[in-house]
Amino acid sequence: MDCNRVLNEIKRTLKSNGIVYFGVDVYPPEIARLRGEYQIKNIIFDVQHPHTFTVESFEKLTDENSFNVIERYPMQPSGKGDESERYCVYVTQV
């Protein structure tokens, strides 16, 4: 549930010059804002994916945890049937 804790554990176990692949479902900013409001009210739409990201918020999270995006892939449908898309990136430690 704690994204920062997960990223810290990845950093701790990642070999020097190691690369991590992330595939994250992201939403347009307005949908992400609404989902965030619903999550605060304990109305969860996706129990398996409790965090709502935009491309910008995910990249901010990785940046704040000392990861650098080294490659981005074109967006793909997430397959969830909502307005999310799958954002895939390779990152390395700064």
N, C-alpha and C. Protein backbone atom coordinates (compact mmCIF):
# COMPACT_ATOMS: atom_id res chain seq x y z
N MET A 1 0.81 -1.20 0.00
CA MET A 1 0.00 0.00 0.00
C MET A 1 0.86 1.27 0.00
N ASP A 2 2.11 1.18 0.41
CA ASP A 2 2.98 2.36 0.50
C ASP A 2 3.96 2.36 -0.67
N CYS A 3 3.67 3.18 -1.66
CA CYS A 3 4.50 3.20 -2.88
C CYS A 3 5.95 3.58 -2.59
N ASN A 4 6.16 4.54 -1.70
CA ASN A 4 7.53 4.93 -1.37
C ASN A 4 8.31 3.79 -0.73
N ARG A 5 7.65 3.05 0.12
CA ARG A 5 8.30 1.91 0.77
C ARG A 5 8.68 0.84 -0.26
N VAL A 6 7.80 0.60 -1.20
CA VAL A 6 8.09 -0.37 -2.27
C VAL A 6 9.29 0.09 -3.10
N LEU A 7 9.30 1.35 -3.49
CA LEU A 7 10.41 1.85 -4.29
C LEU A 7 11.72 1.84 -3.51
N ASN A 8 11.67 2.12 -2.22
CA ASN A 8 12.88 2.03 -1.40
C ASN A 8 13.42 0.60 -1.34
N GLU A 9 12.53 -0.36 -1.27
CA GLU A 9 12.97 -1.76 -1.25
C GLU A 9 13.56 -2.16 -2.61
N ILE A 10 12.98 -1.68 -3.67
CA ILE A 10 13.55 -1.94 -5.01
C ILE A 10 14.95 -1.35 -5.08
N LYS A 11 15.12 -0.12 -4.63
CA LYS A 11 16.45 0.51 -4.64
C LYS A 11 17.44 -0.29 -3.80
N ARG A 12 16.98 -0.75 -2.66
CA ARG A 12 17.88 -1.49 -1.75
C ARG A 12 18.38 -2.76 -2.39
N THR A 13 17.54 -3.42 -3.16
CA THR A 13 17.91 -4.73 -3.72
C THR A 13 18.42 -4.66 -5.16
N LEU A 14 18.32 -3.51 -5.79
CA LEU A 14 18.75 -3.38 -7.18
C LEU A 14 20.27 -3.32 -7.28
N LYS A 15 20.82 -4.11 -8.18
CA LYS A 15 22.26 -4.09 -8.40
C LYS A 15 22.69 -2.73 -8.94
N SER A 16 23.95 -2.41 -8.74
CA SER A 16 24.50 -1.18 -9.29
C SER A 16 24.27 -1.17 -10.80
N ASN A 17 23.81 -0.07 -11.32
CA ASN A 17 23.47 0.09 -12.74
C ASN A 17 22.32 -0.80 -13.18
N GLY A 18 21.55 -1.32 -12.22
CA GLY A 18 20.40 -2.16 -12.55
C GLY A 18 19.27 -1.35 -13.17
N ILE A 19 18.41 -2.05 -13.87
CA ILE A 19 17.28 -1.44 -14.55
C ILE A 19 16.00 -2.11 -14.07
N VAL A 20 14.96 -1.29 -13.86
CA VAL A 20 13.66 -1.80 -13.41
C VAL A 20 12.63 -1.47 -14.48
N TYR A 21 11.76 -2.42 -14.78
CA TYR A 21 10.66 -2.22 -15.72
C TYR A 21 9.37 -2.04 -14.92
N PHE A 22 8.65 -0.97 -15.20
CA PHE A 22 7.35 -0.75 -14.58
C PHE A 22 6.28 -0.71 -15.67
N GLY A 23 5.18 -1.39 -15.43
CA GLY A 23 3.97 -1.26 -16.23
C GLY A 23 2.89 -0.76 -15.29
N VAL A 24 2.41 0.45 -15.51
CA VAL A 24 1.50 1.11 -14.58
C VAL A 24 0.26 1.58 -15.33
N ASP A 25 -0.91 1.34 -14.77
CA ASP A 25 -2.13 1.89 -15.34
C ASP A 25 -2.23 3.35 -14.93
N VAL A 26 -2.37 4.23 -15.92
CA VAL A 26 -2.46 5.66 -15.67
C VAL A 26 -3.77 6.20 -16.24
N TYR A 27 -4.18 7.33 -15.70
CA TYR A 27 -5.45 7.95 -16.07
C TYR A 27 -5.24 9.38 -16.52
N PRO A 28 -6.18 9.92 -17.30
CA PRO A 28 -6.14 11.36 -17.60
C PRO A 28 -6.29 12.13 -16.28
N PRO A 29 -5.72 13.34 -16.19
CA PRO A 29 -5.74 14.08 -14.93
C PRO A 29 -7.12 14.24 -14.30
N GLU A 30 -8.14 14.55 -15.06
CA GLU A 30 -9.47 14.76 -14.48
C GLU A 30 -10.03 13.47 -13.88
N ILE A 31 -9.85 12.35 -14.56
CA ILE A 31 -10.33 11.06 -14.05
C ILE A 31 -9.53 10.68 -12.80
N ALA A 32 -8.23 10.93 -12.82
CA ALA A 32 -7.39 10.63 -11.65
C ALA A 32 -7.85 11.44 -10.44
N ARG A 33 -8.18 12.72 -10.67
CA ARG A 33 -8.66 13.56 -9.57
C ARG A 33 -9.95 13.00 -8.98
N LEU A 34 -10.88 12.61 -9.84
CA LEU A 34 -12.15 12.04 -9.37
C LEU A 34 -11.93 10.73 -8.62
N ARG A 35 -11.08 9.88 -9.17
CA ARG A 35 -10.78 8.61 -8.49
C ARG A 35 -10.17 8.87 -7.13
N GLY A 36 -9.29 9.87 -7.04
CA GLY A 36 -8.68 10.22 -5.76
C GLY A 36 -9.72 10.65 -4.75
N GLU A 37 -10.69 11.44 -5.19
CA GLU A 37 -11.76 11.87 -4.30
C GLU A 37 -12.59 10.67 -3.83
N TYR A 38 -12.88 9.74 -4.72
CA TYR A 38 -13.65 8.55 -4.36
C TYR A 38 -12.87 7.66 -3.40
N GLN A 39 -11.55 7.57 -3.61
CA GLN A 39 -10.73 6.75 -2.72
C GLN A 39 -10.71 7.34 -1.32
N ILE A 40 -10.65 8.67 -1.22
CA ILE A 40 -10.67 9.33 0.10
C ILE A 40 -11.97 9.00 0.83
N LYS A 41 -13.05 8.90 0.08
CA LYS A 41 -14.36 8.59 0.66
C LYS A 41 -14.57 7.08 0.84
N ASN A 42 -13.50 6.30 0.63
CA ASN A 42 -13.55 4.83 0.74
C ASN A 42 -14.47 4.18 -0.28
N ILE A 43 -14.64 4.84 -1.41
CA ILE A 43 -15.35 4.24 -2.54
C ILE A 43 -14.25 3.79 -3.50
N ILE A 44 -13.91 2.52 -3.47
CA ILE A 44 -12.79 2.02 -4.27
C ILE A 44 -13.34 1.31 -5.49
N PHE A 45 -12.91 1.73 -6.66
CA PHE A 45 -13.36 1.12 -7.90
C PHE A 45 -12.52 -0.11 -8.27
N ASP A 46 -11.29 -0.13 -7.84
CA ASP A 46 -10.38 -1.18 -8.27
C ASP A 46 -9.54 -1.63 -7.08
N VAL A 47 -10.04 -2.61 -6.36
CA VAL A 47 -9.37 -3.06 -5.14
C VAL A 47 -7.97 -3.59 -5.44
N GLN A 48 -7.78 -4.20 -6.60
CA GLN A 48 -6.46 -4.74 -6.96
C GLN A 48 -5.45 -3.65 -7.30
N HIS A 49 -5.92 -2.46 -7.62
CA HIS A 49 -5.05 -1.34 -7.97
C HIS A 49 -5.49 -0.12 -7.15
N PRO A 50 -5.09 -0.05 -5.89
CA PRO A 50 -5.61 0.99 -4.99
C PRO A 50 -5.06 2.39 -5.24
N HIS A 51 -4.02 2.53 -6.04
CA HIS A 51 -3.43 3.84 -6.30
C HIS A 51 -3.80 4.31 -7.69
N THR A 52 -4.05 5.58 -7.80
CA THR A 52 -4.39 6.17 -9.09
C THR A 52 -3.27 7.11 -9.52
N PHE A 53 -2.73 6.85 -10.69
CA PHE A 53 -1.63 7.65 -11.21
C PHE A 53 -2.01 8.29 -12.54
N THR A 54 -1.40 9.44 -12.79
CA THR A 54 -1.29 9.99 -14.12
C THR A 54 0.15 9.73 -14.55
N VAL A 55 0.46 9.96 -15.80
CA VAL A 55 1.87 9.82 -16.22
C VAL A 55 2.73 10.74 -15.36
N GLU A 56 2.25 11.97 -15.18
CA GLU A 56 3.02 12.95 -14.43
C GLU A 56 3.22 12.54 -12.97
N SER A 57 2.16 12.05 -12.32
CA SER A 57 2.29 11.69 -10.90
C SER A 57 3.18 10.45 -10.73
N PHE A 58 3.14 9.52 -11.68
CA PHE A 58 4.01 8.36 -11.57
C PHE A 58 5.47 8.77 -11.77
N GLU A 59 5.73 9.62 -12.76
CA GLU A 59 7.11 10.06 -12.97
C GLU A 59 7.62 10.90 -11.80
N LYS A 60 6.74 11.68 -11.19
CA LYS A 60 7.13 12.44 -10.00
C LYS A 60 7.51 11.49 -8.87
N LEU A 61 6.72 10.43 -8.67
CA LEU A 61 7.00 9.45 -7.64
C LEU A 61 8.35 8.78 -7.88
N THR A 62 8.63 8.37 -9.11
CA THR A 62 9.91 7.73 -9.38
C THR A 62 11.06 8.72 -9.21
N ASP A 63 10.85 9.96 -9.65
CA ASP A 63 11.89 10.98 -9.51
C ASP A 63 12.19 11.26 -8.04
N GLU A 64 11.14 11.40 -7.24
CA GLU A 64 11.33 11.67 -5.80
C GLU A 64 12.02 10.51 -5.09
N ASN A 65 11.99 9.34 -5.68
CA ASN A 65 12.64 8.17 -5.08
C ASN A 65 13.94 7.83 -5.79
N SER A 66 14.51 8.83 -6.46
CA SER A 66 15.84 8.72 -7.09
C SER A 66 15.92 7.70 -8.21
N PHE A 67 14.86 7.62 -9.00
CA PHE A 67 14.89 6.82 -10.21
C PHE A 67 14.81 7.75 -11.41
N ASN A 68 15.45 7.34 -12.49
CA ASN A 68 15.46 8.12 -13.71
C ASN A 68 14.85 7.28 -14.84
N VAL A 69 13.86 7.82 -15.53
CA VAL A 69 13.26 7.10 -16.65
C VAL A 69 14.25 7.11 -17.80
N ILE A 70 14.59 5.92 -18.30
CA ILE A 70 15.55 5.85 -19.41
C ILE A 70 14.90 5.43 -20.72
N GLU A 71 13.69 4.87 -20.65
CA GLU A 71 12.98 4.51 -21.87
C GLU A 71 11.49 4.44 -21.60
N ARG A 72 10.70 5.04 -22.50
CA ARG A 72 9.24 5.01 -22.41
C ARG A 72 8.70 4.26 -23.63
N TYR A 73 7.64 3.53 -23.42
CA TYR A 73 6.98 2.82 -24.52
C TYR A 73 5.67 3.51 -24.86
N PRO A 74 5.18 3.34 -26.10
CA PRO A 74 3.89 3.94 -26.45
C PRO A 74 2.78 3.41 -25.55
N MET A 75 1.84 4.27 -25.24
CA MET A 75 0.71 3.88 -24.39
C MET A 75 -0.10 2.78 -25.08
N GLN A 76 -0.62 1.88 -24.25
CA GLN A 76 -1.47 0.79 -24.72
C GLN A 76 -2.73 0.78 -23.87
N PRO A 77 -3.83 0.23 -24.38
CA PRO A 77 -5.01 0.08 -23.53
C PRO A 77 -4.68 -0.79 -22.32
N SER A 78 -5.24 -0.46 -21.18
CA SER A 78 -4.96 -1.24 -19.97
C SER A 78 -5.72 -2.56 -19.97
N GLY A 79 -6.81 -2.62 -20.71
CA GLY A 79 -7.64 -3.83 -20.71
C GLY A 79 -8.62 -3.88 -19.56
N LYS A 80 -8.68 -2.80 -18.77
CA LYS A 80 -9.56 -2.79 -17.61
C LYS A 80 -10.98 -2.32 -17.96
N GLY A 81 -11.17 -1.80 -19.16
CA GLY A 81 -12.50 -1.36 -19.55
C GLY A 81 -12.87 0.02 -19.04
N ASP A 82 -11.88 0.75 -18.54
CA ASP A 82 -12.15 2.12 -18.10
C ASP A 82 -11.26 3.05 -18.94
N GLU A 83 -11.03 4.24 -18.46
CA GLU A 83 -10.26 5.22 -19.24
C GLU A 83 -8.76 5.14 -18.99
N SER A 84 -8.30 4.09 -18.35
CA SER A 84 -6.87 3.98 -18.07
C SER A 84 -6.13 3.42 -19.28
N GLU A 85 -4.83 3.74 -19.30
CA GLU A 85 -3.92 3.19 -20.29
C GLU A 85 -2.73 2.60 -19.57
N ARG A 86 -2.04 1.68 -20.22
CA ARG A 86 -0.85 1.07 -19.62
C ARG A 86 0.37 1.89 -20.03
N TYR A 87 1.08 2.39 -19.02
CA TYR A 87 2.29 3.19 -19.22
C TYR A 87 3.45 2.31 -18.81
N CYS A 88 4.36 2.03 -19.74
CA CYS A 88 5.49 1.15 -19.48
C CYS A 88 6.80 1.92 -19.64
N VAL A 89 7.66 1.77 -18.64
CA VAL A 89 8.93 2.47 -18.64
C VAL A 89 10.04 1.59 -18.06
N TYR A 90 11.25 1.88 -18.48
CA TYR A 90 12.43 1.35 -17.83
C TYR A 90 13.04 2.49 -17.03
N VAL A 91 13.45 2.19 -15.78
CA VAL A 91 14.10 3.20 -14.96
C VAL A 91 15.38 2.63 -14.38
N THR A 92 16.26 3.53 -13.96
CA THR A 92 17.47 3.16 -13.26
C THR A 92 17.66 4.12 -12.10
N GLN A 93 18.50 3.76 -11.16
CA GLN A 93 18.74 4.65 -10.02
C GLN A 93 19.58 5.83 -10.46
N VAL A 94 19.29 6.99 -9.88
CA VAL A 94 20.06 8.20 -10.18
C VAL A 94 21.38 8.10 -9.46
